[in-house]
Amino acid sequence: MAARANTLIGMAELARAGLGLAFLPEDVAPGLQPIGQFERQFESPLWLLTHPDLRSNARVLACSRFLAERLSDT
């Protein structure tokens, strides 16, 4: 039998059903037995871009600041 999932939740459910292994963050897969530790091997910067006409828009600025705070590693 073959199974495929394109979401973390779907992958977790397939692993719970015994249909294979899944590489998942701990908060998505409570109750599953980890088989190893994830080691970050590379960093990929995330760019937050806006259209030039919208950069001074209050809602876009608020959203950009919120995302920058939440997604920042520091």
Protein backbone atom coordinates (compact mmCIF):
# COMPACT_ATOMS: atom_id res chain seq x y z
CA MET A 1 0.00 0.00 0.00
CA ALA A 2 1.23 3.51 -0.78
CA ALA A 3 0.13 6.68 0.93
CA ARG A 4 0.86 10.33 0.36
CA ALA A 5 0.14 13.46 2.37
CA ASN A 6 0.86 17.08 1.61
CA THR A 7 0.21 18.47 5.11
CA LEU A 8 1.96 17.92 8.42
CA ILE A 9 -1.29 16.78 10.03
CA GLY A 10 -1.85 14.26 7.26
CA MET A 11 1.69 12.94 7.65
CA ALA A 12 1.18 12.62 11.41
CA GLU A 13 -2.06 10.70 10.93
CA LEU A 14 -0.44 8.30 8.48
CA ALA A 15 2.43 7.72 10.92
CA ARG A 16 -0.08 7.13 13.76
CA ALA A 17 -1.84 4.57 11.57
CA GLY A 18 1.47 2.72 11.16
CA LEU A 19 1.82 3.51 7.48
CA GLY A 20 5.38 4.80 7.67
CA LEU A 21 7.69 7.37 9.18
CA ALA A 22 7.31 11.13 9.05
CA PHE A 23 9.70 14.01 9.65
CA LEU A 24 7.56 16.23 11.89
CA PRO A 25 7.95 18.97 14.48
CA GLU A 26 7.08 17.83 18.01
CA ASP A 27 4.11 20.17 18.41
CA VAL A 28 2.35 18.63 15.38
CA ALA A 29 2.86 15.04 16.44
CA PRO A 30 2.13 14.60 20.15
CA GLY A 31 2.10 10.97 21.13
CA LEU A 32 4.34 9.77 18.31
CA GLN A 33 7.66 8.17 19.21
CA PRO A 34 10.64 10.23 17.99
CA ILE A 35 13.38 8.18 16.33
CA GLY A 36 16.03 10.89 16.21
CA GLN A 37 16.86 14.52 16.71
CA PHE A 38 16.58 17.18 14.04
CA GLU A 39 19.79 19.09 13.51
CA ARG A 40 19.56 22.36 11.64
CA GLN A 41 22.13 22.12 8.86
CA PHE A 42 21.47 25.32 7.01
CA GLU A 43 19.71 28.61 7.40
CA SER A 44 17.42 30.15 4.83
CA PRO A 45 16.53 33.80 5.24
CA LEU A 46 12.92 34.76 4.83
CA TRP A 47 12.24 37.96 2.94
CA LEU A 48 9.11 39.90 3.67
CA LEU A 49 8.21 41.89 0.57
CA THR A 50 5.50 44.43 -0.16
CA HIS A 51 4.44 46.32 -3.24
CA PRO A 52 6.04 49.79 -3.30
CA ASP A 53 2.63 51.46 -3.41
CA LEU A 54 1.57 49.70 -0.19
CA ARG A 55 4.69 50.07 1.95
CA SER A 56 3.31 53.07 3.83
CA ASN A 57 -0.16 51.57 4.31
CA ALA A 58 -0.86 51.28 8.06
CA ARG A 59 -2.34 47.77 7.79
CA VAL A 60 0.54 46.47 5.69
CA LEU A 61 3.05 48.02 8.10
CA ALA A 62 1.30 46.48 11.11
CA CYS A 63 1.22 43.06 9.45
CA SER A 64 4.88 43.32 8.40
CA ARG A 65 5.99 44.25 11.92
CA PHE A 66 3.92 41.44 13.45
CA LEU A 67 5.35 38.83 11.07
CA ALA A 68 8.90 40.11 11.49
CA GLU A 69 8.63 39.81 15.29
CA ARG A 70 7.09 36.33 15.21
CA LEU A 71 9.35 34.86 12.53
CA SER A 72 12.61 36.31 13.82
CA ASP A 73 15.14 33.89 15.35
CA THR A 74 16.49 36.54 17.67
